[in-house]
Amino acid sequence: MAKDPTFDRRKYPRVLTEALVSIAWLDSKDVVAHALDLSLGGIRFQCADLEFELGQMLRVTLKLGEQEASLVGKTVRVTELDAFVQEVALALIDVDAKTLELLHEQLADFQDS
């Protein structure tokens, strides 16, 4: 992951990433998505396997270091990039304390490098 200085104006600094993450509605099977950036407040990703709408609750599963983490968020922006791919911004809503601490540590490590 690389730090992008234009993201410093945000409430939570974002770290650019090229990680694969798992995305799903709360009650459905996961699909693979391409994460673009991540912060303590949200994640932005691209996905070709689902169609998203504003306000949907989603579960995101991703690797933070050696551990797998599951986060719940609400779609706040959906942009169609082409006929197949959407870019989605998700505001994190439900993150347990252990996962939040792990996320904070991982993001701090990337910002320091």
PDB file of N, CA and C in Angstrom:
ATOM      1  N   MET A   1       0.839  -1.181   0.000  1.00  0.00           N
ATOM      2  CA  MET A   1       0.000   0.000   0.000  1.00  0.00           C
ATOM      3  C   MET A   1       0.880   1.238   0.000  1.00  0.00           C
ATOM      4  N   ALA A   2       0.419   2.280  -0.646  1.00  0.00           N
ATOM      5  CA  ALA A   2       1.175   3.518  -0.710  1.00  0.00           C
ATOM      6  C   ALA A   2       0.308   4.666  -0.201  1.00  0.00           C
ATOM      7  N   LYS A   3       0.930   5.625   0.424  1.00  0.00           N
ATOM      8  CA  LYS A   3       0.207   6.783   0.943  1.00  0.00           C
ATOM      9  C   LYS A   3       0.040   7.817  -0.160  1.00  0.00           C
ATOM     10  N   ASP A   4      -1.144   8.385  -0.260  1.00  0.00           N
ATOM     11  CA  ASP A   4      -1.440   9.432  -1.231  1.00  0.00           C
ATOM     12  C   ASP A   4      -1.680  10.718  -0.450  1.00  0.00           C
ATOM     13  N   PRO A   5      -0.835  11.764  -0.613  1.00  0.00           N
ATOM     14  CA  PRO A   5      -0.965  12.984   0.182  1.00  0.00           C
ATOM     15  C   PRO A   5      -2.288  13.729  -0.017  1.00  0.00           C
ATOM     16  N   THR A   6      -3.000  13.507  -1.107  1.00  0.00           N
ATOM     17  CA  THR A   6      -4.273  14.200  -1.320  1.00  0.00           C
ATOM     18  C   THR A   6      -5.357  13.684  -0.390  1.00  0.00           C
ATOM     19  N   PHE A   7      -5.126  12.548   0.261  1.00  0.00           N
ATOM     20  CA  PHE A   7      -6.130  11.986   1.141  1.00  0.00           C
ATOM     21  C   PHE A   7      -6.051  12.564   2.548  1.00  0.00           C
ATOM     22  N   ASP A   8      -5.069  13.401   2.862  1.00  0.00           N
ATOM     23  CA  ASP A   8      -4.864  13.911   4.208  1.00  0.00           C
ATOM     24  C   ASP A   8      -5.951  14.865   4.686  1.00  0.00           C
ATOM     25  N   ARG A   9      -6.783  15.383   3.805  1.00  0.00           N
ATOM     26  CA  ARG A   9      -7.833  16.311   4.210  1.00  0.00           C
ATOM     27  C   ARG A   9      -9.047  15.584   4.767  1.00  0.00           C
ATOM     28  N   ARG A  10      -9.105  14.303   4.651  1.00  0.00           N
ATOM     29  CA  ARG A  10     -10.240  13.526   5.116  1.00  0.00           C
ATOM     30  C   ARG A  10     -10.229  13.388   6.630  1.00  0.00           C
ATOM     31  N   LYS A  11     -11.393  13.072   7.185  1.00  0.00           N
ATOM     32  CA  LYS A  11     -11.497  12.831   8.619  1.00  0.00           C
ATOM     33  C   LYS A  11     -10.571  11.694   9.030  1.00  0.00           C
ATOM     34  N   TYR A  12     -10.556  10.625   8.241  1.00  0.00           N
ATOM     35  CA  TYR A  12      -9.667   9.488   8.474  1.00  0.00           C
ATOM     36  C   TYR A  12      -8.744   9.371   7.280  1.00  0.00           C
ATOM     37  N   PRO A  13      -7.441   9.476   7.476  1.00  0.00           N
ATOM     38  CA  PRO A  13      -6.520   9.327   6.349  1.00  0.00           C
ATOM     39  C   PRO A  13      -6.714   7.981   5.666  1.00  0.00           C
ATOM     40  N   ARG A  14      -6.649   7.985   4.341  1.00  0.00           N
ATOM     41  CA  ARG A  14      -6.827   6.762   3.563  1.00  0.00           C
ATOM     42  C   ARG A  14      -5.495   6.278   3.056  1.00  0.00           C
ATOM     43  N   VAL A  15      -5.410   4.987   2.921  1.00  0.00           N
ATOM     44  CA  VAL A  15      -4.217   4.347   2.388  1.00  0.00           C
ATOM     45  C   VAL A  15      -4.631   3.633   1.117  1.00  0.00           C
ATOM     46  N   LEU A  16      -3.924   3.915   0.021  1.00  0.00           N
ATOM     47  CA  LEU A  16      -4.213   3.238  -1.240  1.00  0.00           C
ATOM     48  C   LEU A  16      -3.825   1.778  -1.130  1.00  0.00           C
ATOM     49  N   THR A  17      -4.588   0.923  -1.769  1.00  0.00           N
ATOM     50  CA  THR A  17      -4.322  -0.505  -1.715  1.00  0.00           C
ATOM     51  C   THR A  17      -4.708  -1.156  -3.030  1.00  0.00           C
ATOM     52  N   GLU A  18      -4.179  -2.318  -3.265  1.00  0.00           N
ATOM     53  CA  GLU A  18      -4.568  -3.118  -4.416  1.00  0.00           C
ATOM     54  C   GLU A  18      -4.997  -4.501  -3.946  1.00  0.00           C
ATOM     55  N   ALA A  19      -5.492  -4.576  -2.716  1.00  0.00           N
ATOM     56  CA  ALA A  19      -5.873  -5.848  -2.114  1.00  0.00           C
ATOM     57  C   ALA A  19      -7.186  -6.355  -2.685  1.00  0.00           C
ATOM     58  N   LEU A  20      -7.326  -7.669  -2.692  1.00  0.00           N
ATOM     59  CA  LEU A  20      -8.606  -8.280  -3.009  1.00  0.00           C
ATOM     60  C   LEU A  20      -9.364  -8.441  -1.705  1.00  0.00           C
ATOM     61  N   VAL A  21     -10.644  -8.092  -1.728  1.00  0.00           N
ATOM     62  CA  VAL A  21     -11.490  -8.226  -0.555  1.00  0.00           C
ATOM     63  C   VAL A  21     -12.739  -8.996  -0.950  1.00  0.00           C
ATOM     64  N   SER A  22     -13.449  -9.472   0.031  1.00  0.00           N
ATOM     65  CA  SER A  22     -14.691 -10.192  -0.184  1.00  0.00           C
ATOM     66  C   SER A  22     -15.833  -9.261   0.199  1.00  0.00           C
ATOM     67  N   ILE A  23     -16.836  -9.131  -0.675  1.00  0.00           N
ATOM     68  CA  ILE A  23     -17.968  -8.229  -0.460  1.00  0.00           C
ATOM     69  C   ILE A  23     -19.255  -9.035  -0.541  1.00  0.00           C
ATOM     70  N   ALA A  24     -20.221  -8.726   0.327  1.00  0.00           N
ATOM     71  CA  ALA A  24     -21.523  -9.397   0.257  1.00  0.00           C
ATOM     72  C   ALA A  24     -22.566  -8.570   0.980  1.00  0.00           C
ATOM     73  N   TRP A  25     -23.811  -8.719   0.538  1.00  0.00           N
ATOM     74  CA  TRP A  25     -24.895  -8.205   1.345  1.00  0.00           C
ATOM     75  C   TRP A  25     -24.875  -9.027   2.612  1.00  0.00           C
ATOM     76  N   LEU A  26     -25.438  -8.514   3.687  1.00  0.00           N
ATOM     77  CA  LEU A  26     -25.314  -9.170   4.983  1.00  0.00           C
ATOM     78  C   LEU A  26     -25.848 -10.596   4.995  1.00  0.00           C
ATOM     79  N   ASP A  27     -26.792 -10.905   4.147  1.00  0.00           N
ATOM     80  CA  ASP A  27     -27.404 -12.234   4.171  1.00  0.00           C
ATOM     81  C   ASP A  27     -27.123 -13.052   2.903  1.00  0.00           C
ATOM     82  N   SER A  28     -26.008 -12.788   2.227  1.00  0.00           N
ATOM     83  CA  SER A  28     -25.738 -13.517   0.991  1.00  0.00           C
ATOM     84  C   SER A  28     -24.279 -13.953   0.905  1.00  0.00           C
ATOM     85  N   LYS A  29     -23.983 -14.710  -0.135  1.00  0.00           N
ATOM     86  CA  LYS A  29     -22.643 -15.238  -0.373  1.00  0.00           C
ATOM     87  C   LYS A  29     -21.686 -14.122  -0.833  1.00  0.00           C
ATOM     88  N   ASP A  30     -20.424 -14.246  -0.435  1.00  0.00           N
ATOM     89  CA  ASP A  30     -19.407 -13.252  -0.776  1.00  0.00           C
ATOM     90  C   ASP A  30     -18.979 -13.360  -2.239  1.00  0.00           C
ATOM     91  N   VAL A  31     -18.540 -12.243  -2.806  1.00  0.00           N
ATOM     92  CA  VAL A  31     -17.879 -12.193  -4.107  1.00  0.00           C
ATOM     93  C   VAL A  31     -16.568 -11.439  -3.921  1.00  0.00           C
ATOM     94  N   VAL A  32     -15.650 -11.603  -4.850  1.00  0.00           N
ATOM     95  CA  VAL A  32     -14.357 -10.929  -4.772  1.00  0.00           C
ATOM     96  C   VAL A  32     -14.474  -9.537  -5.379  1.00  0.00           C
ATOM     97  N   ALA A  33     -13.868  -8.556  -4.712  1.00  0.00           N
ATOM     98  CA  ALA A  33     -13.812  -7.180  -5.206  1.00  0.00           C
ATOM     99  C   ALA A  33     -12.376  -6.698  -5.078  1.00  0.00           C
ATOM    100  N   HIS A  34     -12.075  -5.617  -5.778  1.00  0.00           N
ATOM    101  CA  HIS A  34     -10.736  -5.026  -5.766  1.00  0.00           C
ATOM    102  C   HIS A  34     -10.777  -3.761  -4.918  1.00  0.00           C
ATOM    103  N   ALA A  35     -10.166  -3.806  -3.740  1.00  0.00           N
ATOM    104  CA  ALA A  35     -10.123  -2.623  -2.863  1.00  0.00           C
ATOM    105  C   ALA A  35      -9.204  -1.567  -3.476  1.00  0.00           C
ATOM    106  N   LEU A  36      -9.619  -0.306  -3.393  1.00  0.00           N
ATOM    107  CA  LEU A  36      -8.822   0.806  -3.923  1.00  0.00           C
ATOM    108  C   LEU A  36      -8.169   1.603  -2.811  1.00  0.00           C
ATOM    109  N   ASP A  37      -8.908   1.861  -1.732  1.00  0.00           N
ATOM    110  CA  ASP A  37      -8.325   2.515  -0.573  1.00  0.00           C
ATOM    111  C   ASP A  37      -9.134   2.163   0.658  1.00  0.00           C
ATOM    112  N   LEU A  38      -8.512   2.419   1.806  1.00  0.00           N
ATOM    113  CA  LEU A  38      -9.067   1.974   3.073  1.00  0.00           C
ATOM    114  C   LEU A  38      -8.715   2.984   4.152  1.00  0.00           C
ATOM    115  N   SER A  39      -9.649   3.224   5.070  1.00  0.00           N
ATOM    116  CA  SER A  39      -9.384   4.093   6.217  1.00  0.00           C
ATOM    117  C   SER A  39     -10.147   3.559   7.416  1.00  0.00           C
ATOM    118  N   LEU A  40     -10.002   4.224   8.558  1.00  0.00           N
ATOM    119  CA  LEU A  40     -10.769   3.836   9.735  1.00  0.00           C
ATOM    120  C   LEU A  40     -12.256   4.093   9.542  1.00  0.00           C
ATOM    121  N   GLY A  41     -12.598   4.937   8.592  1.00  0.00           N
ATOM    122  CA  GLY A  41     -14.002   5.290   8.368  1.00  0.00           C
ATOM    123  C   GLY A  41     -14.656   4.626   7.177  1.00  0.00           C
ATOM    124  N   GLY A  42     -13.860   3.990   6.288  1.00  0.00           N
ATOM    125  CA  GLY A  42     -14.496   3.398   5.121  1.00  0.00           C
ATOM    126  C   GLY A  42     -13.528   2.689   4.203  1.00  0.00           C
ATOM    127  N   ILE A  43     -14.096   2.155   3.137  1.00  0.00           N
ATOM    128  CA  ILE A  43     -13.329   1.462   2.113  1.00  0.00           C
ATOM    129  C   ILE A  43     -13.951   1.783   0.764  1.00  0.00           C
ATOM    130  N   ARG A  44     -13.102   1.898  -0.247  1.00  0.00           N
ATOM    131  CA  ARG A  44     -13.571   2.110  -1.623  1.00  0.00           C
ATOM    132  C   ARG A  44     -13.087   0.921  -2.427  1.00  0.00           C
ATOM    133  N   PHE A  45     -13.983   0.354  -3.239  1.00  0.00           N
ATOM    134  CA  PHE A  45     -13.636  -0.828  -4.008  1.00  0.00           C
ATOM    135  C   PHE A  45     -14.338  -0.829  -5.359  1.00  0.00           C
ATOM    136  N   GLN A  46     -13.856  -1.689  -6.258  1.00  0.00           N
ATOM    137  CA  GLN A  46     -14.495  -1.929  -7.548  1.00  0.00           C
ATOM    138  C   GLN A  46     -14.961  -3.374  -7.580  1.00  0.00           C
ATOM    139  N   CYS A  47     -16.140  -3.590  -8.168  1.00  0.00           N
ATOM    140  CA  CYS A  47     -16.695  -4.931  -8.220  1.00  0.00           C
ATOM    141  C   CYS A  47     -17.481  -5.108  -9.513  1.00  0.00           C
ATOM    142  N   ALA A  48     -17.336  -6.292 -10.124  1.00  0.00           N
ATOM    143  CA  ALA A  48     -18.048  -6.580 -11.360  1.00  0.00           C
ATOM    144  C   ALA A  48     -19.128  -7.632 -11.173  1.00  0.00           C
ATOM    145  N   ASP A  49     -19.243  -8.206  -9.992  1.00  0.00           N
ATOM    146  CA  ASP A  49     -20.144  -9.331  -9.813  1.00  0.00           C
ATOM    147  C   ASP A  49     -21.474  -8.995  -9.149  1.00  0.00           C
ATOM    148  N   LEU A  50     -21.636  -7.808  -8.630  1.00  0.00           N
ATOM    149  CA  LEU A  50     -22.871  -7.395  -7.969  1.00  0.00           C
ATOM    150  C   LEU A  50     -23.243  -5.998  -8.440  1.00  0.00           C
ATOM    151  N   GLU A  51     -24.516  -5.644  -8.304  1.00  0.00           N
ATOM    152  CA  GLU A  51     -24.940  -4.275  -8.556  1.00  0.00           C
ATOM    153  C   GLU A  51     -25.334  -3.661  -7.218  1.00  0.00           C
ATOM    154  N   PHE A  52     -24.814  -2.475  -6.949  1.00  0.00           N
ATOM    155  CA  PHE A  52     -25.008  -1.830  -5.659  1.00  0.00           C
ATOM    156  C   PHE A  52     -25.888  -0.601  -5.798  1.00  0.00           C
ATOM    157  N   GLU A  53     -26.554  -0.247  -4.696  1.00  0.00           N
ATOM    158  CA  GLU A  53     -27.358   0.962  -4.622  1.00  0.00           C
ATOM    159  C   GLU A  53     -26.975   1.711  -3.349  1.00  0.00           C
ATOM    160  N   LEU A  54     -27.244   2.997  -3.319  1.00  0.00           N
ATOM    161  CA  LEU A  54     -26.969   3.800  -2.117  1.00  0.00           C
ATOM    162  C   LEU A  54     -27.752   3.266  -0.929  1.00  0.00           C
ATOM    163  N   GLY A  55     -27.114   3.291   0.232  1.00  0.00           N
ATOM    164  CA  GLY A  55     -27.782   2.909   1.459  1.00  0.00           C
ATOM    165  C   GLY A  55     -27.784   1.432   1.779  1.00  0.00           C
ATOM    166  N   GLN A  56     -27.227   0.593   0.915  1.00  0.00           N
ATOM    167  CA  GLN A  56     -27.190  -0.839   1.192  1.00  0.00           C
ATOM    168  C   GLN A  56     -26.165  -1.153   2.274  1.00  0.00           C
ATOM    169  N   MET A  57     -26.479  -2.116   3.119  1.00  0.00           N
ATOM    170  CA  MET A  57     -25.555  -2.592   4.140  1.00  0.00           C
ATOM    171  C   MET A  57     -24.782  -3.771   3.548  1.00  0.00           C
ATOM    172  N   LEU A  58     -23.456  -3.708   3.663  1.00  0.00           N
ATOM    173  CA  LEU A  58     -22.597  -4.747   3.113  1.00  0.00           C
ATOM    174  C   LEU A  58     -21.612  -5.231   4.161  1.00  0.00           C
ATOM    175  N   ARG A  59     -21.179  -6.460   3.989  1.00  0.00           N
ATOM    176  CA  ARG A  59     -20.116  -7.035   4.812  1.00  0.00           C
ATOM    177  C   ARG A  59     -18.864  -7.128   3.944  1.00  0.00           C
ATOM    178  N   VAL A  60     -17.739  -6.677   4.477  1.00  0.00           N
ATOM    179  CA  VAL A  60     -16.454  -6.745   3.781  1.00  0.00           C
ATOM    180  C   VAL A  60     -15.529  -7.620   4.616  1.00  0.00           C
ATOM    181  N   THR A  61     -14.897  -8.576   3.971  1.00  0.00           N
ATOM    182  CA  THR A  61     -13.917  -9.419   4.648  1.00  0.00           C
ATOM    183  C   THR A  61     -12.578  -9.179   3.980  1.00  0.00           C
ATOM    184  N   LEU A  62     -11.538  -8.887   4.778  1.00  0.00           N
ATOM    185  CA  LEU A  62     -10.232  -8.596   4.216  1.00  0.00           C
ATOM    186  C   LEU A  62      -9.145  -9.064   5.169  1.00  0.00           C
ATOM    187  N   LYS A  63      -7.941  -9.174   4.640  1.00  0.00           N
ATOM    188  CA  LYS A  63      -6.783  -9.541   5.454  1.00  0.00           C
ATOM    189  C   LYS A  63      -6.143  -8.273   5.972  1.00  0.00           C
ATOM    190  N   LEU A  64      -5.915  -8.240   7.276  1.00  0.00           N
ATOM    191  CA  LEU A  64      -5.164  -7.162   7.918  1.00  0.00           C
ATOM    192  C   LEU A  64      -3.944  -7.811   8.533  1.00  0.00           C
ATOM    193  N   GLY A  65      -2.819  -7.686   7.861  1.00  0.00           N
ATOM    194  CA  GLY A  65      -1.631  -8.419   8.276  1.00  0.00           C
ATOM    195  C   GLY A  65      -1.884  -9.897   8.056  1.00  0.00           C
ATOM    196  N   GLU A  66      -1.749 -10.672   9.093  1.00  0.00           N
ATOM    197  CA  GLU A  66      -1.977 -12.116   9.009  1.00  0.00           C
ATOM    198  C   GLU A  66      -3.389 -12.513   9.430  1.00  0.00           C
ATOM    199  N   GLN A  67      -4.193 -11.546   9.860  1.00  0.00           N
ATOM    200  CA  GLN A  67      -5.526 -11.855  10.372  1.00  0.00           C
ATOM    201  C   GLN A  67      -6.615 -11.451   9.393  1.00  0.00           C
ATOM    202  N   GLU A  68      -7.696 -12.206   9.396  1.00  0.00           N
ATOM    203  CA  GLU A  68      -8.855 -11.878   8.576  1.00  0.00           C
ATOM    204  C   GLU A  68      -9.810 -11.039   9.421  1.00  0.00           C
ATOM    205  N   ALA A  69     -10.360  -9.992   8.826  1.00  0.00           N
ATOM    206  CA  ALA A  69     -11.276  -9.102   9.544  1.00  0.00           C
ATOM    207  C   ALA A  69     -12.572  -8.970   8.764  1.00  0.00           C
ATOM    208  N   SER A  70     -13.656  -8.816   9.484  1.00  0.00           N
ATOM    209  CA  SER A  70     -14.964  -8.620   8.866  1.00  0.00           C
ATOM    210  C   SER A  70     -15.523  -7.291   9.339  1.00  0.00           C
ATOM    211  N   LEU A  71     -15.942  -6.458   8.401  1.00  0.00           N
ATOM    212  CA  LEU A  71     -16.450  -5.121   8.680  1.00  0.00           C
ATOM    213  C   LEU A  71     -17.829  -4.982   8.058  1.00  0.00           C
ATOM    214  N   VAL A  72     -18.682  -4.171   8.648  1.00  0.00           N
ATOM    215  CA  VAL A  72     -19.998  -3.897   8.079  1.00  0.00           C
ATOM    216  C   VAL A  72     -20.080  -2.409   7.782  1.00  0.00           C
ATOM    217  N   GLY A  73     -20.595  -2.078   6.592  1.00  0.00           N
ATOM    218  CA  GLY A  73     -20.709  -0.680   6.208  1.00  0.00           C
ATOM    219  C   GLY A  73     -21.922  -0.419   5.341  1.00  0.00           C
ATOM    220  N   LYS A  74     -22.127   0.853   5.059  1.00  0.00           N
ATOM    221  CA  LYS A  74     -23.261   1.313   4.261  1.00  0.00           C
ATOM    222  C   LYS A  74     -22.742   2.018   3.018  1.00  0.00           C
ATOM    223  N   THR A  75     -23.310   1.695   1.855  1.00  0.00           N
ATOM    224  CA  THR A  75     -22.865   2.330   0.618  1.00  0.00           C
ATOM    225  C   THR A  75     -23.251   3.812   0.635  1.00  0.00           C
ATOM    226  N   VAL A  76     -22.251   4.669   0.390  1.00  0.00           N
ATOM    227  CA  VAL A  76     -22.487   6.117   0.375  1.00  0.00           C
ATOM    228  C   VAL A  76     -22.252   6.719  -1.009  1.00  0.00           C
ATOM    229  N   ARG A  77     -21.609   5.957  -1.891  1.00  0.00           N
ATOM    230  CA  ARG A  77     -21.413   6.410  -3.276  1.00  0.00           C
ATOM    231  C   ARG A  77     -21.268   5.182  -4.160  1.00  0.00           C
ATOM    232  N   VAL A  78     -21.979   5.201  -5.287  1.00  0.00           N
ATOM    233  CA  VAL A  78     -21.890   4.123  -6.269  1.00  0.00           C
ATOM    234  C   VAL A  78     -21.719   4.774  -7.634  1.00  0.00           C
ATOM    235  N   THR A  79     -20.635   4.419  -8.330  1.00  0.00           N
ATOM    236  CA  THR A  79     -20.345   4.992  -9.641  1.00  0.00           C
ATOM    237  C   THR A  79     -20.174   3.865 -10.646  1.00  0.00           C
ATOM    238  N   GLU A  80     -20.934   3.914 -11.738  1.00  0.00           N
ATOM    239  CA  GLU A  80     -20.754   2.926 -12.798  1.00  0.00           C
ATOM    240  C   GLU A  80     -19.556   3.333 -13.634  1.00  0.00           C
ATOM    241  N   LEU A  81     -18.554   2.468 -13.695  1.00  0.00           N
ATOM    242  CA  LEU A  81     -17.364   2.755 -14.486  1.00  0.00           C
ATOM    243  C   LEU A  81     -17.545   2.317 -15.935  1.00  0.00           C
ATOM    244  N   ASP A  82     -18.297   1.247 -16.129  1.00  0.00           N
ATOM    245  CA  ASP A  82     -18.664   0.782 -17.461  1.00  0.00           C
ATOM    246  C   ASP A  82     -19.876  -0.119 -17.297  1.00  0.00           C
ATOM    247  N   ALA A  83     -20.239  -0.861 -18.325  1.00  0.00           N
ATOM    248  CA  ALA A  83     -21.435  -1.694 -18.263  1.00  0.00           C
ATOM    249  C   ALA A  83     -21.324  -2.834 -17.257  1.00  0.00           C
ATOM    250  N   PHE A  84     -20.116  -3.135 -16.811  1.00  0.00           N
ATOM    251  CA  PHE A  84     -19.908  -4.291 -15.942  1.00  0.00           C
ATOM    252  C   PHE A  84     -19.383  -3.954 -14.545  1.00  0.00           C
ATOM    253  N   VAL A  85     -18.655  -2.852 -14.415  1.00  0.00           N
ATOM    254  CA  VAL A  85     -17.936  -2.569 -13.170  1.00  0.00           C
ATOM    255  C   VAL A  85     -18.498  -1.334 -12.468  1.00  0.00           C
ATOM    256  N   GLN A  86     -18.677  -1.456 -11.152  1.00  0.00           N
ATOM    257  CA  GLN A  86     -19.071  -0.321 -10.327  1.00  0.00           C
ATOM    258  C   GLN A  86     -17.967  -0.034  -9.315  1.00  0.00           C
ATOM    259  N   GLU A  87     -17.787   1.255  -9.012  1.00  0.00           N
ATOM    260  CA  GLU A  87     -16.906   1.666  -7.928  1.00  0.00           C
ATOM    261  C   GLU A  87     -17.806   2.078  -6.771  1.00  0.00           C
ATOM    262  N   VAL A  88     -17.515   1.550  -5.587  1.00  0.00           N
ATOM    263  CA  VAL A  88     -18.388   1.750  -4.430  1.00  0.00           C
ATOM    264  C   VAL A  88     -17.586   2.308  -3.263  1.00  0.00           C
ATOM    265  N   ALA A  89     -18.138   3.334  -2.615  1.00  0.00           N
ATOM    266  CA  ALA A  89     -17.573   3.859  -1.375  1.00  0.00           C
ATOM    267  C   ALA A  89     -18.485   3.400  -0.250  1.00  0.00           C
ATOM    268  N   LEU A  90     -17.877   2.795   0.750  1.00  0.00           N
ATOM    269  CA  LEU A  90     -18.610   2.219   1.859  1.00  0.00           C
ATOM    270  C   LEU A  90     -18.167   2.883   3.161  1.00  0.00           C
ATOM    271  N   ALA A  91     -19.110   3.461   3.911  1.00  0.00           N
ATOM    272  CA  ALA A  91     -18.809   4.026   5.223  1.00  0.00           C
ATOM    273  C   ALA A  91     -18.952   2.909   6.247  1.00  0.00           C
ATOM    274  N   LEU A  92     -17.911   2.695   7.034  1.00  0.00           N
ATOM    275  CA  LEU A  92     -17.955   1.628   8.028  1.00  0.00           C
ATOM    276  C   LEU A  92     -18.914   1.989   9.147  1.00  0.00           C
ATOM    277  N   ILE A  93     -19.752   1.036   9.517  1.00  0.00           N
ATOM    278  CA  ILE A  93     -20.779   1.254  10.528  1.00  0.00           C
ATOM    279  C   ILE A  93     -20.544   0.370  11.744  1.00  0.00           C
ATOM    280  N   ASP A  94     -20.200  -0.887  11.511  1.00  0.00           N
ATOM    281  CA  ASP A  94     -20.074  -1.845  12.606  1.00  0.00           C
ATOM    282  C   ASP A  94     -18.709  -2.524  12.530  1.00  0.00           C
ATOM    283  N   VAL A  95     -17.808  -2.106  13.417  1.00  0.00           N
ATOM    284  CA  VAL A  95     -16.469  -2.688  13.492  1.00  0.00           C
ATOM    285  C   VAL A  95     -16.197  -2.959  14.967  1.00  0.00           C
ATOM    286  N   ASP A  96     -15.911  -4.229  15.301  1.00  0.00           N
ATOM    287  CA  ASP A  96     -15.648  -4.528  16.711  1.00  0.00           C
ATOM    288  C   ASP A  96     -14.318  -3.905  17.134  1.00  0.00           C
ATOM    289  N   ALA A  97     -14.141  -3.757  18.443  1.00  0.00           N
ATOM    290  CA  ALA A  97     -12.976  -3.054  18.994  1.00  0.00           C
ATOM    291  C   ALA A  97     -11.652  -3.699  18.575  1.00  0.00           C
ATOM    292  N   LYS A  98     -11.581  -5.016  18.574  1.00  0.00           N
ATOM    293  CA  LYS A  98     -10.350  -5.711  18.201  1.00  0.00           C
ATOM    294  C   LYS A  98     -10.000  -5.444  16.739  1.00  0.00           C
ATOM    295  N   THR A  99     -11.000  -5.509  15.861  1.00  0.00           N
ATOM    296  CA  THR A  99     -10.771  -5.253  14.438  1.00  0.00           C
ATOM    297  C   THR A  99     -10.385  -3.803  14.206  1.00  0.00           C
ATOM    298  N   LEU A 100     -11.030  -2.883  14.912  1.00  0.00           N
ATOM    299  CA  LEU A 100     -10.704  -1.458  14.779  1.00  0.00           C
ATOM    300  C   LEU A 100      -9.265  -1.194  15.195  1.00  0.00           C
ATOM    301  N   GLU A 101      -8.821  -1.823  16.278  1.00  0.00           N
ATOM    302  CA  GLU A 101      -7.437  -1.670  16.730  1.00  0.00           C
ATOM    303  C   GLU A 101      -6.465  -2.225  15.693  1.00  0.00           C
ATOM    304  N   LEU A 102      -6.788  -3.398  15.143  1.00  0.00           N
ATOM    305  CA  LEU A 102      -5.954  -4.010  14.117  1.00  0.00           C
ATOM    306  C   LEU A 102      -5.899  -3.136  12.864  1.00  0.00           C
ATOM    307  N   LEU A 103      -7.041  -2.602  12.456  1.00  0.00           N
ATOM    308  CA  LEU A 103      -7.105  -1.709  11.301  1.00  0.00           C
ATOM    309  C   LEU A 103      -6.271  -0.461  11.548  1.00  0.00           C
ATOM    310  N   HIS A 104      -6.387   0.108  12.729  1.00  0.00           N
ATOM    311  CA  HIS A 104      -5.617   1.302  13.087  1.00  0.00           C
ATOM    312  C   HIS A 104      -4.118   1.020  13.005  1.00  0.00           C
ATOM    313  N   GLU A 105      -3.682  -0.117  13.541  1.00  0.00           N
ATOM    314  CA  GLU A 105      -2.263  -0.485  13.507  1.00  0.00           C
ATOM    315  C   GLU A 105      -1.767  -0.655  12.078  1.00  0.00           C
ATOM    316  N   GLN A 106      -2.535  -1.364  11.256  1.00  0.00           N
ATOM    317  CA  GLN A 106      -2.126  -1.612   9.878  1.00  0.00           C
ATOM    318  C   GLN A 106      -2.034  -0.303   9.089  1.00  0.00           C
ATOM    319  N   LEU A 107      -3.014   0.567   9.255  1.00  0.00           N
ATOM    320  CA  LEU A 107      -2.998   1.845   8.534  1.00  0.00           C
ATOM    321  C   LEU A 107      -1.850   2.728   9.014  1.00  0.00           C
ATOM    322  N   ALA A 108      -1.570   2.723  10.293  1.00  0.00           N
ATOM    323  CA  ALA A 108      -0.446   3.514  10.824  1.00  0.00           C
ATOM    324  C   ALA A 108       0.878   3.014  10.254  1.00  0.00           C
ATOM    325  N   ASP A 109       1.024   1.706  10.140  1.00  0.00           N
ATOM    326  CA  ASP A 109       2.236   1.134   9.559  1.00  0.00           C
ATOM    327  C   ASP A 109       2.445   1.616   8.124  1.00  0.00           C
ATOM    328  N   PHE A 110       1.374   1.646   7.329  1.00  0.00           N
ATOM    329  CA  PHE A 110       1.484   2.063   5.931  1.00  0.00           C
ATOM    330  C   PHE A 110       1.713   3.565   5.810  1.00  0.00           C
ATOM    331  N   GLN A 111       1.127   4.349   6.712  1.00  0.00           N
ATOM    332  CA  GLN A 111       1.327   5.787   6.654  1.00  0.00           C
ATOM    333  C   GLN A 111       2.738   6.178   7.043  1.00  0.00           C
ATOM    334  N   ASP A 112       3.354   5.394   7.929  1.00  0.00           N
ATOM    335  CA  ASP A 112       4.717   5.685   8.358  1.00  0.00           C
ATOM    336  C   ASP A 112       5.758   5.318   7.300  1.00  0.00           C
ATOM    337  N   SER A 113       5.390   4.424   6.388  1.00  0.00           N
ATOM    338  CA  SER A 113       6.366   3.983   5.374  1.00  0.00           C
ATOM    339  C   SER A 113       6.356   4.862   4.155  1.00  0.00           C
TER     340      SER A 113
END
